Amino acid sequence: MEKVQVMYELEEFRLTAPPDQLGELFMEAVLEDMAQPHAKRPLQCVTVKMPLPEYLRMKRATQKWNMTYTDVINFCTQRVIPILESPSGRVAQKLEQHRLDSESRRALRAGRSKS
């Protein structure tokens, strides 16, 4: 347990680079989405696994601005899903490469398990 605590303390105080312009623009769009009224709709609980230091960092950052991390995750997801549904340009190329790489890794694992 002591090892985990020491690792957590080291990660907690790690310096990070300031956000880039694209990150700032994305967050601005998320905040604009959050400001719009939204009709009540059914919700589904989803478990998101992330490293503990990032989770705690997100939780502290959202609390600082009187936001909930659930809202941030929801609104970021709403921004990303349309891009995943119909990507274009370099994003489409990178997603296609990711799919091909994933399929190759899956085929390799399947081949090893049959041996």
N, C-alpha and C. Protein backbone atom coordinates (compact mmCIF):
# COMPACT_ATOMS: atom_id res chain seq x y z
N MET A 1 0.83 -1.20 0.00
CA MET A 1 0.00 0.00 0.00
C MET A 1 0.87 1.25 0.00
N GLU A 2 1.99 1.19 0.72
CA GLU A 2 2.87 2.35 0.80
C GLU A 2 3.44 2.70 -0.58
N LYS A 3 3.77 1.68 -1.38
CA LYS A 3 4.29 1.90 -2.73
C LYS A 3 3.27 2.64 -3.59
N VAL A 4 2.01 2.24 -3.49
CA VAL A 4 0.95 2.88 -4.26
C VAL A 4 0.81 4.33 -3.85
N GLN A 5 0.88 4.61 -2.54
CA GLN A 5 0.76 5.97 -2.04
C GLN A 5 1.89 6.84 -2.57
N VAL A 6 3.12 6.33 -2.56
CA VAL A 6 4.27 7.10 -3.05
C VAL A 6 4.11 7.36 -4.54
N MET A 7 3.71 6.35 -5.32
CA MET A 7 3.50 6.54 -6.76
C MET A 7 2.43 7.58 -7.02
N TYR A 8 1.35 7.53 -6.23
CA TYR A 8 0.27 8.49 -6.41
C TYR A 8 0.76 9.90 -6.14
N GLU A 9 1.53 10.08 -5.06
CA GLU A 9 2.03 11.40 -4.72
C GLU A 9 2.93 11.94 -5.83
N LEU A 10 3.77 11.08 -6.41
CA LEU A 10 4.63 11.52 -7.50
C LEU A 10 3.81 11.94 -8.72
N GLU A 11 2.79 11.16 -9.05
CA GLU A 11 1.97 11.47 -10.22
C GLU A 11 1.10 12.70 -9.97
N GLU A 12 0.64 12.89 -8.74
CA GLU A 12 -0.27 13.98 -8.44
C GLU A 12 0.36 15.34 -8.72
N PHE A 13 1.64 15.48 -8.46
CA PHE A 13 2.29 16.77 -8.58
C PHE A 13 3.09 16.91 -9.87
N ARG A 14 2.87 16.02 -10.80
CA ARG A 14 3.55 16.08 -12.08
C ARG A 14 3.10 17.33 -12.84
N LEU A 15 4.06 18.07 -13.38
CA LEU A 15 3.73 19.25 -14.16
C LEU A 15 3.21 18.83 -15.53
N THR A 16 2.27 19.58 -16.04
CA THR A 16 1.74 19.28 -17.36
C THR A 16 1.89 20.52 -18.24
N ALA A 17 1.90 20.29 -19.53
CA ALA A 17 1.99 21.40 -20.47
C ALA A 17 0.67 22.16 -20.47
N PRO A 18 0.74 23.46 -20.70
CA PRO A 18 -0.52 24.22 -20.79
C PRO A 18 -1.32 23.74 -22.00
N PRO A 19 -2.63 23.93 -21.96
CA PRO A 19 -3.45 23.47 -23.07
C PRO A 19 -3.09 24.19 -24.37
N ASP A 20 -3.20 23.48 -25.48
CA ASP A 20 -2.94 24.11 -26.77
C ASP A 20 -4.20 24.81 -27.26
N GLN A 21 -4.07 25.53 -28.36
CA GLN A 21 -5.19 26.31 -28.88
C GLN A 21 -6.37 25.43 -29.26
N LEU A 22 -6.11 24.27 -29.86
CA LEU A 22 -7.21 23.38 -30.24
C LEU A 22 -7.95 22.86 -29.01
N GLY A 23 -7.19 22.55 -27.94
CA GLY A 23 -7.82 22.12 -26.70
C GLY A 23 -8.70 23.21 -26.11
N GLU A 24 -8.20 24.43 -26.15
CA GLU A 24 -8.98 25.57 -25.65
C GLU A 24 -10.26 25.76 -26.48
N LEU A 25 -10.15 25.65 -27.80
CA LEU A 25 -11.33 25.79 -28.66
C LEU A 25 -12.35 24.69 -28.38
N PHE A 26 -11.85 23.46 -28.17
CA PHE A 26 -12.74 22.34 -27.86
C PHE A 26 -13.48 22.61 -26.55
N MET A 27 -12.75 23.06 -25.52
CA MET A 27 -13.37 23.34 -24.22
C MET A 27 -14.37 24.47 -24.34
N GLU A 28 -14.05 25.47 -25.13
CA GLU A 28 -14.98 26.58 -25.34
C GLU A 28 -16.28 26.07 -25.97
N ALA A 29 -16.17 25.18 -26.94
CA ALA A 29 -17.37 24.60 -27.58
C ALA A 29 -18.16 23.77 -26.57
N VAL A 30 -17.47 23.03 -25.72
CA VAL A 30 -18.15 22.23 -24.69
C VAL A 30 -18.91 23.15 -23.74
N LEU A 31 -18.27 24.24 -23.32
CA LEU A 31 -18.94 25.18 -22.41
C LEU A 31 -20.17 25.81 -23.07
N GLU A 32 -20.06 26.12 -24.36
CA GLU A 32 -21.23 26.66 -25.08
C GLU A 32 -22.35 25.63 -25.12
N ASP A 33 -22.00 24.37 -25.35
CA ASP A 33 -23.01 23.31 -25.34
C ASP A 33 -23.67 23.21 -23.96
N MET A 34 -22.87 23.31 -22.92
CA MET A 34 -23.39 23.18 -21.56
C MET A 34 -24.34 24.33 -21.22
N ALA A 35 -24.12 25.49 -21.83
CA ALA A 35 -24.95 26.66 -21.54
C ALA A 35 -26.33 26.57 -22.19
N GLN A 36 -26.46 25.74 -23.22
CA GLN A 36 -27.73 25.60 -23.93
C GLN A 36 -28.70 24.77 -23.08
N PRO A 37 -29.99 25.14 -23.10
CA PRO A 37 -30.96 24.31 -22.38
C PRO A 37 -31.10 22.94 -23.06
N HIS A 38 -31.23 21.93 -22.26
CA HIS A 38 -31.37 20.57 -22.78
C HIS A 38 -32.60 19.92 -22.17
N ALA A 39 -33.36 19.27 -23.03
CA ALA A 39 -34.56 18.57 -22.56
C ALA A 39 -34.13 17.36 -21.73
N LYS A 40 -34.98 17.00 -20.78
CA LYS A 40 -34.72 15.80 -19.99
C LYS A 40 -34.78 14.60 -20.93
N ARG A 41 -33.88 13.68 -20.74
CA ARG A 41 -33.85 12.48 -21.56
C ARG A 41 -33.40 11.31 -20.70
N PRO A 42 -33.72 10.10 -21.12
CA PRO A 42 -33.29 8.95 -20.32
C PRO A 42 -31.77 8.88 -20.27
N LEU A 43 -31.27 8.44 -19.15
CA LEU A 43 -29.83 8.34 -18.96
C LEU A 43 -29.42 6.89 -18.79
N GLN A 44 -28.23 6.59 -19.18
CA GLN A 44 -27.65 5.26 -19.02
C GLN A 44 -26.35 5.41 -18.24
N CYS A 45 -26.19 4.65 -17.20
CA CYS A 45 -24.95 4.68 -16.43
C CYS A 45 -23.87 3.94 -17.21
N VAL A 46 -22.70 4.56 -17.30
CA VAL A 46 -21.57 3.98 -18.01
C VAL A 46 -20.35 4.05 -17.10
N THR A 47 -19.63 2.97 -16.99
CA THR A 47 -18.41 2.97 -16.20
C THR A 47 -17.25 3.33 -17.10
N VAL A 48 -16.50 4.32 -16.69
CA VAL A 48 -15.33 4.75 -17.45
C VAL A 48 -14.11 4.47 -16.58
N LYS A 49 -13.21 3.66 -17.10
CA LYS A 49 -11.99 3.37 -16.35
C LYS A 49 -10.91 4.34 -16.77
N MET A 50 -10.27 4.97 -15.79
CA MET A 50 -9.16 5.86 -16.07
C MET A 50 -8.18 5.76 -14.90
N PRO A 51 -6.93 6.08 -15.14
CA PRO A 51 -5.96 6.01 -14.05
C PRO A 51 -6.39 6.93 -12.90
N LEU A 52 -6.20 6.46 -11.68
CA LEU A 52 -6.63 7.21 -10.50
C LEU A 52 -6.11 8.64 -10.47
N PRO A 53 -4.83 8.89 -10.75
CA PRO A 53 -4.36 10.29 -10.70
C PRO A 53 -5.12 11.20 -11.67
N GLU A 54 -5.44 10.71 -12.88
CA GLU A 54 -6.18 11.53 -13.84
C GLU A 54 -7.61 11.77 -13.36
N TYR A 55 -8.21 10.74 -12.76
CA TYR A 55 -9.56 10.90 -12.23
C TYR A 55 -9.58 11.96 -11.14
N LEU A 56 -8.66 11.87 -10.20
CA LEU A 56 -8.62 12.84 -9.10
C LEU A 56 -8.32 14.24 -9.61
N ARG A 57 -7.45 14.32 -10.60
CA ARG A 57 -7.12 15.62 -11.20
C ARG A 57 -8.35 16.22 -11.87
N MET A 58 -9.10 15.39 -12.62
CA MET A 58 -10.31 15.86 -13.27
C MET A 58 -11.34 16.31 -12.24
N LYS A 59 -11.46 15.53 -11.18
CA LYS A 59 -12.43 15.85 -10.14
C LYS A 59 -12.11 17.20 -9.48
N ARG A 60 -10.83 17.42 -9.15
CA ARG A 60 -10.43 18.70 -8.55
C ARG A 60 -10.65 19.86 -9.52
N ALA A 61 -10.29 19.65 -10.78
CA ALA A 61 -10.43 20.73 -11.77
C ALA A 61 -11.89 21.12 -11.98
N THR A 62 -12.77 20.14 -12.04
CA THR A 62 -14.19 20.46 -12.25
C THR A 62 -14.79 21.10 -11.01
N GLN A 63 -14.38 20.66 -9.83
CA GLN A 63 -14.88 21.27 -8.60
C GLN A 63 -14.47 22.73 -8.51
N LYS A 64 -13.27 23.04 -8.98
CA LYS A 64 -12.76 24.42 -8.95
C LYS A 64 -13.72 25.36 -9.68
N TRP A 65 -14.35 24.86 -10.75
CA TRP A 65 -15.23 25.69 -11.57
C TRP A 65 -16.71 25.40 -11.32
N ASN A 66 -17.01 24.74 -10.20
CA ASN A 66 -18.39 24.38 -9.86
C ASN A 66 -19.08 23.60 -10.98
N MET A 67 -18.35 22.64 -11.51
CA MET A 67 -18.89 21.76 -12.55
C MET A 67 -18.85 20.34 -12.01
N THR A 68 -19.56 19.45 -12.68
CA THR A 68 -19.44 18.05 -12.33
C THR A 68 -18.66 17.36 -13.43
N TYR A 69 -17.82 16.41 -13.04
CA TYR A 69 -17.04 15.71 -14.06
C TYR A 69 -17.94 14.88 -14.96
N THR A 70 -19.10 14.46 -14.45
CA THR A 70 -20.05 13.73 -15.28
C THR A 70 -20.53 14.59 -16.44
N ASP A 71 -20.86 15.86 -16.16
CA ASP A 71 -21.28 16.76 -17.23
C ASP A 71 -20.17 16.97 -18.24
N VAL A 72 -18.96 17.14 -17.77
CA VAL A 72 -17.83 17.36 -18.68
C VAL A 72 -17.66 16.15 -19.59
N ILE A 73 -17.71 14.95 -19.02
CA ILE A 73 -17.58 13.73 -19.83
C ILE A 73 -18.73 13.64 -20.84
N ASN A 74 -19.96 13.91 -20.39
CA ASN A 74 -21.11 13.84 -21.29
C ASN A 74 -20.99 14.81 -22.46
N PHE A 75 -20.67 16.07 -22.16
CA PHE A 75 -20.63 17.07 -23.22
C PHE A 75 -19.43 16.86 -24.15
N CYS A 76 -18.31 16.39 -23.62
CA CYS A 76 -17.17 16.07 -24.50
C CYS A 76 -17.54 14.91 -25.42
N THR A 77 -18.22 13.92 -24.87
CA THR A 77 -18.65 12.78 -25.68
C THR A 77 -19.60 13.22 -26.78
N GLN A 78 -20.53 14.11 -26.45
CA GLN A 78 -21.47 14.61 -27.46
C GLN A 78 -20.75 15.33 -28.59
N ARG A 79 -19.62 15.94 -28.31
CA ARG A 79 -18.83 16.62 -29.34
C ARG A 79 -18.07 15.61 -30.20
N VAL A 80 -17.62 14.51 -29.61
CA VAL A 80 -16.76 13.56 -30.32
C VAL A 80 -17.56 12.56 -31.16
N ILE A 81 -18.72 12.14 -30.70
CA ILE A 81 -19.50 11.11 -31.39
C ILE A 81 -19.80 11.46 -32.85
N PRO A 82 -20.26 12.68 -33.17
CA PRO A 82 -20.51 12.99 -34.59
C PRO A 82 -19.25 12.87 -35.46
N ILE A 83 -18.11 13.18 -34.89
CA ILE A 83 -16.85 13.05 -35.62
C ILE A 83 -16.55 11.57 -35.89
N LEU A 84 -16.80 10.71 -34.90
CA LEU A 84 -16.60 9.27 -35.09
C LEU A 84 -17.58 8.70 -36.10
N GLU A 85 -18.80 9.24 -36.12
CA GLU A 85 -19.81 8.73 -37.05
C GLU A 85 -19.50 9.07 -38.50
N SER A 86 -18.93 10.24 -38.75
CA SER A 86 -18.62 10.62 -40.14
C SER A 86 -17.35 11.47 -40.19
N PRO A 87 -16.21 10.83 -39.96
CA PRO A 87 -14.94 11.57 -39.97
C PRO A 87 -14.54 11.95 -41.40
N SER A 88 -13.65 12.91 -41.48
CA SER A 88 -13.13 13.29 -42.80
C SER A 88 -11.64 13.58 -42.69
N GLY A 89 -11.00 13.66 -43.83
CA GLY A 89 -9.60 14.06 -43.88
C GLY A 89 -8.67 13.18 -43.07
N ARG A 90 -7.74 13.83 -42.37
CA ARG A 90 -6.72 13.10 -41.60
C ARG A 90 -7.33 12.29 -40.47
N VAL A 91 -8.43 12.79 -39.89
CA VAL A 91 -9.08 12.03 -38.81
C VAL A 91 -9.58 10.70 -39.35
N ALA A 92 -10.21 10.71 -40.52
CA ALA A 92 -10.70 9.46 -41.12
C ALA A 92 -9.54 8.51 -41.40
N GLN A 93 -8.43 9.04 -41.91
CA GLN A 93 -7.25 8.21 -42.19
C GLN A 93 -6.71 7.58 -40.90
N LYS A 94 -6.60 8.39 -39.85
CA LYS A 94 -6.07 7.87 -38.59
C LYS A 94 -7.01 6.84 -37.97
N LEU A 95 -8.32 7.09 -38.06
CA LEU A 95 -9.27 6.11 -37.53
C LEU A 95 -9.20 4.80 -38.32
N GLU A 96 -9.07 4.90 -39.62
CA GLU A 96 -8.96 3.70 -40.45
C GLU A 96 -7.69 2.93 -40.10
N GLN A 97 -6.58 3.64 -39.90
CA GLN A 97 -5.33 2.98 -39.52
C GLN A 97 -5.47 2.32 -38.15
N HIS A 98 -6.15 2.99 -37.23
CA HIS A 98 -6.39 2.41 -35.90
C HIS A 98 -7.20 1.12 -36.02
N ARG A 99 -8.23 1.14 -36.86
CA ARG A 99 -9.06 -0.05 -37.05
C ARG A 99 -8.23 -1.20 -37.62
N LEU A 100 -7.42 -0.91 -38.64
CA LEU A 100 -6.59 -1.95 -39.25
C LEU A 100 -5.58 -2.51 -38.25
N ASP A 101 -4.95 -1.63 -37.48
CA ASP A 101 -3.99 -2.08 -36.46
C ASP A 101 -4.67 -2.96 -35.42
N SER A 102 -5.86 -2.56 -34.99
CA SER A 102 -6.61 -3.34 -33.99
C SER A 102 -6.98 -4.71 -34.53
N GLU A 103 -7.41 -4.76 -35.79
CA GLU A 103 -7.77 -6.04 -36.40
C GLU A 103 -6.55 -6.94 -36.54
N SER A 104 -5.41 -6.36 -36.87
CA SER A 104 -4.17 -7.15 -36.98
C SER A 104 -3.78 -7.73 -35.63
N ARG A 105 -3.84 -6.91 -34.59
CA ARG A 105 -3.50 -7.40 -33.24
C ARG A 105 -4.45 -8.50 -32.81
N ARG A 106 -5.74 -8.32 -33.11
CA ARG A 106 -6.74 -9.33 -32.74
C ARG A 106 -6.46 -10.64 -33.48
N ALA A 107 -6.12 -10.55 -34.76
CA ALA A 107 -5.82 -11.76 -35.54
C ALA A 107 -4.58 -12.46 -35.00
N LEU A 108 -3.56 -11.69 -34.62
CA LEU A 108 -2.35 -12.29 -34.03
C LEU A 108 -2.67 -13.02 -32.73
N ARG A 109 -3.47 -12.38 -31.87
CA ARG A 109 -3.84 -13.02 -30.60
C ARG A 109 -4.64 -14.28 -30.85
N ALA A 110 -5.55 -14.24 -31.82
CA ALA A 110 -6.37 -15.42 -32.13
C ALA A 110 -5.48 -16.54 -32.66
N GLY A 111 -4.50 -16.20 -33.48
CA GLY A 111 -3.57 -17.21 -34.01
C GLY A 111 -2.73 -17.84 -32.92
N ARG A 112 -2.31 -17.04 -31.96
CA ARG A 112 -1.50 -17.57 -30.84
C ARG A 112 -2.32 -18.48 -29.95
N SER A 113 -3.59 -18.12 -29.73
CA SER A 113 -4.42 -18.93 -28.82
C SER A 113 -4.76 -20.28 -29.44
N LYS A 114 -4.76 -20.39 -30.78
CA LYS A 114 -5.04 -21.66 -31.45
C LYS A 114 -3.83 -22.58 -31.43
N SER A 115 -2.65 -22.00 -31.28
CA SER A 115 -1.41 -22.81 -31.30
C SER A 115 -1.23 -23.62 -30.05
